[in-house]
N, C-alpha and C. Protein backbone atom coordinates (compact mmCIF):
# COMPACT_ATOMS: atom_id res chain seq x y z
N UNK A 1 0.99 -1.23 -0.10
CA UNK A 1 0.02 0.21 -0.13
C UNK A 1 0.90 1.39 0.03
N UNK A 2 0.33 2.09 -0.72
CA UNK A 2 1.32 3.34 -0.97
C UNK A 2 1.22 4.24 0.59
N UNK A 3 2.35 4.92 0.90
CA UNK A 3 2.37 5.63 2.03
C UNK A 3 1.31 6.87 2.24
N UNK A 4 1.24 7.50 1.41
CA UNK A 4 -0.30 8.46 1.21
C UNK A 4 -1.40 7.79 1.56
N UNK A 5 -1.64 6.86 1.20
CA UNK A 5 -2.86 6.01 1.04
C UNK A 5 -3.01 5.65 2.63
N UNK A 6 -1.92 5.33 3.46
CA UNK A 6 -2.17 4.74 4.73
C UNK A 6 -1.84 5.87 5.87
N UNK A 7 -1.40 6.74 5.32
CA UNK A 7 -1.48 8.03 6.32
C UNK A 7 -2.58 8.63 6.52
N UNK A 8 -3.08 8.66 5.04
CA UNK A 8 -4.98 9.19 5.08
C UNK A 8 -5.50 8.29 6.25
N UNK A 9 -5.64 7.15 5.78
CA UNK A 9 -6.18 6.08 6.76
C UNK A 9 -6.02 6.39 8.00
N UNK A 10 -4.84 6.53 8.44
CA UNK A 10 -4.30 6.75 9.98
C UNK A 10 -4.86 7.90 10.33
N UNK A 11 -4.52 9.04 9.69
CA UNK A 11 -5.54 10.36 10.36
C UNK A 11 -6.55 10.50 10.36
N UNK A 12 -7.39 9.79 9.06
CA UNK A 12 -8.96 9.64 9.23
C UNK A 12 -9.27 9.24 10.51
N UNK A 13 -8.54 7.87 10.88
CA UNK A 13 -9.06 6.98 12.05
C UNK A 13 -8.52 8.04 13.20
N UNK A 14 -7.30 8.40 13.50
CA UNK A 14 -7.13 9.29 14.45
C UNK A 14 -8.26 10.53 15.01
N UNK A 15 -8.51 11.06 13.49
CA UNK A 15 -9.80 12.19 14.06
C UNK A 15 -10.65 11.86 14.36
N UNK A 16 -11.18 10.87 13.77
CA UNK A 16 -12.47 10.07 14.20
C UNK A 16 -12.54 9.73 15.63
N UNK A 17 -11.43 8.75 16.25
CA UNK A 17 -11.38 8.62 17.54
C UNK A 17 -11.55 10.08 18.41
N UNK A 18 -10.73 11.12 17.67
CA UNK A 18 -10.61 12.22 18.79
C UNK A 18 -11.98 12.87 18.82
N UNK A 19 -12.76 12.85 18.07
CA UNK A 19 -13.98 13.32 17.70
C UNK A 19 -14.94 12.86 18.53
N UNK A 20 -14.91 11.52 18.84
CA UNK A 20 -15.42 10.52 19.62
C UNK A 20 -15.08 10.93 21.43
N UNK A 21 -13.98 11.61 21.06
CA UNK A 21 -13.76 11.87 22.91
C UNK A 21 -12.68 11.39 23.60
N UNK A 22 -11.90 10.24 22.88
CA UNK A 22 -11.39 9.63 23.34
C UNK A 22 -9.91 10.23 23.72
N UNK A 23 -9.30 9.90 24.98
CA UNK A 23 -8.24 10.25 25.41
C UNK A 23 -7.09 9.94 24.40
N UNK A 24 -5.78 10.59 24.26
CA UNK A 24 -4.76 10.53 23.78
C UNK A 24 -4.25 8.82 23.71
N UNK A 25 -4.14 8.36 24.78
CA UNK A 25 -3.96 6.77 24.93
C UNK A 25 -4.79 5.90 23.98
N UNK A 26 -5.56 6.01 24.21
CA UNK A 26 -7.13 5.45 23.55
C UNK A 26 -6.95 5.59 22.00
N UNK A 27 -6.49 6.78 21.68
CA UNK A 27 -6.84 7.06 19.99
C UNK A 27 -5.71 6.58 19.47
N UNK A 28 -4.32 6.50 20.20
CA UNK A 28 -3.42 5.73 19.31
C UNK A 28 -3.35 4.32 19.59
N UNK A 29 -4.12 3.68 20.55
CA UNK A 29 -4.26 2.30 20.83
C UNK A 29 -5.16 1.82 19.87
N UNK A 30 -6.52 2.65 19.33
CA UNK A 30 -7.08 2.04 18.48
C UNK A 30 -6.73 2.34 17.29
N UNK A 31 -6.17 3.41 16.64
CA UNK A 31 -5.23 3.47 15.53
C UNK A 31 -4.28 2.42 15.18
N UNK A 32 -3.51 2.00 16.24
CA UNK A 32 -2.44 0.74 16.14
C UNK A 32 -3.31 -0.19 15.64
N UNK A 33 -4.68 -0.69 16.18
CA UNK A 33 -5.21 -1.94 15.78
C UNK A 33 -5.86 -1.92 14.54
N UNK A 34 -6.12 -0.25 13.93
CA UNK A 34 -6.39 -0.65 12.56
C UNK A 34 -5.23 -0.59 11.58
N UNK A 35 -4.06 -0.07 12.04
CA UNK A 35 -2.82 -0.39 11.29
C UNK A 35 -2.38 -1.57 11.19
N UNK A 36 -2.49 -2.49 12.50
CA UNK A 36 -2.25 -3.73 12.81
C UNK A 36 -3.18 -4.70 11.53
N UNK A 37 -4.11 -4.36 11.40
CA UNK A 37 -4.91 -4.80 10.35
C UNK A 37 -4.97 -4.50 9.00
N UNK A 38 -4.38 -3.48 8.97
CA UNK A 38 -4.35 -2.99 7.39
C UNK A 38 -2.64 -3.73 7.09
N UNK A 39 -1.68 -3.67 7.78
CA UNK A 39 -0.39 -4.19 7.64
C UNK A 39 0.23 -4.47 8.86
N UNK A 40 0.45 -5.57 9.54
CA UNK A 40 1.15 -5.50 10.42
C UNK A 40 2.70 -5.10 10.53
N UNK A 41 3.07 -4.99 9.37
CA UNK A 41 4.77 -4.82 9.10
C UNK A 41 4.79 -2.79 8.69
N UNK A 42 3.63 -2.37 8.63
CA UNK A 42 3.73 -0.67 8.61
C UNK A 42 4.09 -0.29 9.73
N UNK A 43 4.83 0.62 9.50
CA UNK A 43 5.46 1.57 10.50
C UNK A 43 4.80 3.14 10.30
N UNK A 44 4.28 3.79 11.43
CA UNK A 44 3.96 5.33 11.27
C UNK A 44 4.33 5.81 12.66
N UNK A 45 4.55 7.33 12.54
CA UNK A 45 4.86 8.36 13.56
C UNK A 45 3.39 9.04 13.54
N UNK A 46 3.28 8.92 14.78
CA UNK A 46 2.07 10.14 15.49
C UNK A 46 2.17 10.63 16.63
N UNK A 47 1.82 11.63 16.90
CA UNK A 47 1.80 12.82 17.85
C UNK A 47 0.43 12.91 18.16
N UNK A 48 -0.28 12.97 19.30
CA UNK A 48 -1.51 13.42 19.54
C UNK A 48 -1.24 14.24 20.71
N UNK A 49 -2.07 15.44 20.69
CA UNK A 49 -1.61 16.42 21.57
C UNK A 49 -3.35 16.95 21.79
N UNK A 50 -3.89 17.03 23.20
CA UNK A 50 -5.07 17.46 23.51
C UNK A 50 -5.04 18.59 24.48
N UNK A 51 -5.61 19.82 24.10
CA UNK A 51 -5.26 20.98 24.85
C UNK A 51 -6.49 21.32 25.21
N UNK A 52 -6.78 22.03 26.58
CA UNK A 52 -8.11 22.76 26.62
C UNK A 52 -7.91 23.95 27.21
N UNK A 53 -7.92 25.07 26.46
CA UNK A 53 -7.69 26.41 27.00
C UNK A 53 -8.41 26.56 27.90
N UNK A 54 -9.40 26.15 28.51
CA UNK A 54 -10.12 26.56 29.73
C UNK A 54 -9.73 26.25 31.10
N UNK A 55 -9.03 24.84 30.86
CA UNK A 55 -8.18 24.46 31.95
C UNK A 55 -6.87 24.54 31.81
N UNK A 56 -6.42 25.23 30.96
CA UNK A 56 -4.76 25.05 30.59
C UNK A 56 -3.96 23.97 31.05
N UNK A 57 -4.38 22.75 30.99
CA UNK A 57 -4.30 21.35 30.95
C UNK A 57 -4.03 21.15 29.48
N UNK A 58 -2.71 20.51 29.35
CA UNK A 58 -2.75 19.80 27.94
C UNK A 58 -2.19 18.08 28.23
N UNK A 59 -2.50 17.34 27.75
CA UNK A 59 -2.16 15.97 27.68
C UNK A 59 -1.71 15.42 26.16
N UNK A 60 -0.58 14.55 26.32
CA UNK A 60 -0.09 14.59 24.97
C UNK A 60 0.68 12.86 25.16
N UNK A 61 0.68 12.27 23.77
CA UNK A 61 1.01 10.94 23.82
C UNK A 61 1.91 11.04 22.29
N UNK A 62 3.31 10.53 22.31
CA UNK A 62 3.92 10.30 21.23
C UNK A 62 4.20 8.68 21.20
N UNK A 63 4.04 8.58 19.95
CA UNK A 63 4.04 6.79 19.34
C UNK A 63 5.02 7.14 18.19
N UNK A 64 5.94 6.01 18.22
CA UNK A 64 7.04 5.84 17.37
C UNK A 64 6.45 4.82 16.19
N UNK A 65 5.57 3.51 16.94
CA UNK A 65 5.56 2.57 15.87
C UNK A 65 3.99 2.01 16.74
N UNK A 66 2.94 2.55 15.81
CA UNK A 66 1.77 2.07 16.14
C UNK A 66 1.42 0.62 15.91
N UNK A 67 1.96 0.01 14.95
CA UNK A 67 1.54 -1.38 14.90
C UNK A 67 2.12 -2.41 15.81
N UNK A 68 2.73 -1.74 16.86
CA UNK A 68 3.35 -2.70 17.91
C UNK A 68 3.09 -1.94 19.23
N UNK A 69 2.45 -0.81 19.02
CA UNK A 69 1.75 0.35 20.28
C UNK A 69 3.21 0.42 21.11
N UNK A 70 4.71 0.86 20.47
CA UNK A 70 5.57 1.33 21.43
C UNK A 70 5.20 2.94 21.56
N UNK A 71 5.20 3.09 22.70
CA UNK A 71 4.70 4.32 22.94
C UNK A 71 5.64 4.99 24.37
N UNK A 72 5.60 6.13 23.91
CA UNK A 72 6.27 6.97 25.41
C UNK A 72 4.88 8.05 25.53
N UNK A 73 4.71 8.17 27.34
CA UNK A 73 3.85 8.98 27.40
C UNK A 73 4.17 10.04 28.43
């Protein structure tokens, strides 16, 4: 599968999970599951940030290899 197509699917999935109100960890975990279904050997880099200006608090999770859920929080 071509890289732009994979990134389009990953971006759309992550945006949908975020719109549903999931926390960053759940967004990356769910997106990792999707990526594993597409092709377990694929690698993408993802950074999820949620910021609420009303609370002045941010949460983030950086993921280097979504397909195996190796992550730093």
